[in-house]
C-alpha cells in the first residue's frame, strides 16, 4: 500500500518522496524480497533503510552507509 501511495505522490505532485525501511530482509523470503526490491527501485526515490548485516546487495551499493551501536552513529 505504501509503495502505491509513493508512486501516486510522485505522479501527481512530481515530487521524489523518501522511503524509510526497517530491515526488509528480516520479514521476506528471497523471492519476495527480490520482487519488493524491484518495486522500490522503480520508484526512484530517496531510500533510507536499516539492516542487521552489512550486505549492500539488497538495494545495490549505497551512496552512504552508517553504523549505529550503543546510540553512536559513525560513517562506514
C-alpha atoms as a PDB file:
ATOM      1  CA  UNK A   1       0.000   0.000   0.000  1.00  0.00           C
ATOM      2  CA  UNK A   2       2.813   2.385   0.866  1.00  0.00           C
ATOM      3  CA  UNK A   3       4.577   1.769  -2.450  1.00  0.00           C
ATOM      4  CA  UNK A   4       1.370   2.568  -4.336  1.00  0.00           C
ATOM      5  CA  UNK A   5       0.948   5.745  -2.299  1.00  0.00           C
ATOM      6  CA  UNK A   6       4.523   6.841  -3.037  1.00  0.00           C
ATOM      7  CA  UNK A   7       4.008   6.186  -6.753  1.00  0.00           C
ATOM      8  CA  UNK A   8       0.797   8.251  -6.693  1.00  0.00           C
ATOM      9  CA  UNK A   9       2.543  11.119  -4.879  1.00  0.00           C
ATOM     10  CA  UNK A  10       5.360  11.075  -7.396  1.00  0.00           C
ATOM     11  CA  UNK A  11       2.955  11.099 -10.333  1.00  0.00           C
ATOM     12  CA  UNK A  12       0.507  13.680  -9.017  1.00  0.00           C
ATOM     13  CA  UNK A  13       2.910  16.176  -7.460  1.00  0.00           C
ATOM     14  CA  UNK A  14       6.104  15.465  -9.435  1.00  0.00           C
ATOM     15  CA  UNK A  15       7.974  15.015  -6.184  1.00  0.00           C
ATOM     16  CA  UNK A  16      10.511  12.465  -5.068  1.00  0.00           C
ATOM     17  CA  UNK A  17       9.430  11.070  -1.709  1.00  0.00           C
ATOM     18  CA  UNK A  18      11.699   9.488   0.866  1.00  0.00           C
ATOM     19  CA  UNK A  19      11.068   5.875   1.838  1.00  0.00           C
ATOM     20  CA  UNK A  20      12.201   4.585   5.231  1.00  0.00           C
ATOM     21  CA  UNK A  21      12.525   0.804   5.539  1.00  0.00           C
ATOM     22  CA  UNK A  22      13.406  -1.125   8.661  1.00  0.00           C
ATOM     23  CA  UNK A  23      15.310  -4.293   7.696  1.00  0.00           C
ATOM     24  CA  UNK A  24      13.032  -5.566   4.899  1.00  0.00           C
ATOM     25  CA  UNK A  25      15.096  -8.756   4.565  1.00  0.00           C
ATOM     26  CA  UNK A  26      14.036  -9.811   8.069  1.00  0.00           C
ATOM     27  CA  UNK A  27      10.404 -10.333   7.069  1.00  0.00           C
ATOM     28  CA  UNK A  28      10.623 -11.618   3.480  1.00  0.00           C
ATOM     29  CA  UNK A  29      11.969 -14.756   1.879  1.00  0.00           C
ATOM     30  CA  UNK A  30      14.375 -14.381  -1.050  1.00  0.00           C
ATOM     31  CA  UNK A  31      11.826 -14.398  -3.929  1.00  0.00           C
ATOM     32  CA  UNK A  32       9.501 -11.920  -2.203  1.00  0.00           C
ATOM     33  CA  UNK A  33      12.414  -9.701  -1.179  1.00  0.00           C
ATOM     34  CA  UNK A  34      13.627  -9.595  -4.794  1.00  0.00           C
ATOM     35  CA  UNK A  35      10.143  -8.621  -6.019  1.00  0.00           C
ATOM     36  CA  UNK A  36       9.874  -5.956  -3.312  1.00  0.00           C
ATOM     37  CA  UNK A  37      13.302  -4.514  -4.142  1.00  0.00           C
ATOM     38  CA  UNK A  38      12.338  -4.349  -7.807  1.00  0.00           C
ATOM     39  CA  UNK A  39       9.246  -2.307  -6.933  1.00  0.00           C
ATOM     40  CA  UNK A  40      11.147   0.030  -4.607  1.00  0.00           C
ATOM     41  CA  UNK A  41      13.875   0.705  -7.177  1.00  0.00           C
ATOM     42  CA  UNK A  42      11.233   1.600  -9.779  1.00  0.00           C
ATOM     43  CA  UNK A  43      10.086   4.453  -7.544  1.00  0.00           C
ATOM     44  CA  UNK A  44      13.443   6.201  -7.901  1.00  0.00           C
ATOM     45  CA  UNK A  45      13.006   7.832  -4.522  1.00  0.00           C
ATOM     46  CA  UNK A  46      15.395   8.624  -1.731  1.00  0.00           C
ATOM     47  CA  UNK A  47      15.762   5.470   0.306  1.00  0.00           C
ATOM     48  CA  UNK A  48      16.853   5.090   3.905  1.00  0.00           C
ATOM     49  CA  UNK A  49      16.905   1.546   5.211  1.00  0.00           C
ATOM     50  CA  UNK A  50      18.245  -0.366   8.149  1.00  0.00           C
ATOM     51  CA  UNK A  51      19.788  -3.811   8.056  1.00  0.00           C
ATOM     52  CA  UNK A  52      21.258  -6.109  10.635  1.00  0.00           C
ATOM     53  CA  UNK A  53      24.168  -7.014   8.376  1.00  0.00           C
ATOM     54  CA  UNK A  54      26.460  -5.042   6.097  1.00  0.00           C
ATOM     55  CA  UNK A  55      25.145  -6.725   2.910  1.00  0.00           C
ATOM     56  CA  UNK A  56      24.735  -3.849   0.385  1.00  0.00           C
ATOM     57  CA  UNK A  57      23.476  -6.206  -2.323  1.00  0.00           C
ATOM     58  CA  UNK A  58      19.922  -5.811  -1.071  1.00  0.00           C
ATOM     59  CA  UNK A  59      19.500  -2.379  -2.679  1.00  0.00           C
ATOM     60  CA  UNK A  60      22.718  -2.111  -4.700  1.00  0.00           C
ATOM     61  CA  UNK A  61      25.684  -0.155  -3.348  1.00  0.00           C
ATOM     62  CA  UNK A  62      24.560   2.685  -1.063  1.00  0.00           C
ATOM     63  CA  UNK A  63      25.674   6.280  -1.528  1.00  0.00           C
ATOM     64  CA  UNK A  64      26.403   6.428   2.182  1.00  0.00           C
ATOM     65  CA  UNK A  65      26.392   3.919   4.993  1.00  0.00           C
ATOM     66  CA  UNK A  66      26.382   4.351   8.749  1.00  0.00           C
ATOM     67  CA  UNK A  67      26.879   2.011  11.665  1.00  0.00           C
ATOM     68  CA  UNK A  68      24.850   2.553  14.828  1.00  0.00           C
ATOM     69  CA  UNK A  69      25.996   0.935  18.032  1.00  0.00           C
ATOM     70  CA  UNK A  70      25.084   1.859  21.597  1.00  0.00           C
ATOM     71  CA  UNK A  71      23.463   5.078  20.408  1.00  0.00           C
ATOM     72  CA  UNK A  72      26.519   6.240  18.466  1.00  0.00           C
ATOM     73  CA  UNK A  73      26.399   6.804  14.708  1.00  0.00           C
ATOM     74  CA  UNK A  74      29.545   6.623  12.605  1.00  0.00           C
ATOM     75  CA  UNK A  75      30.087   6.567   8.838  1.00  0.00           C
ATOM     76  CA  UNK A  76      31.498   3.394   7.318  1.00  0.00           C
END
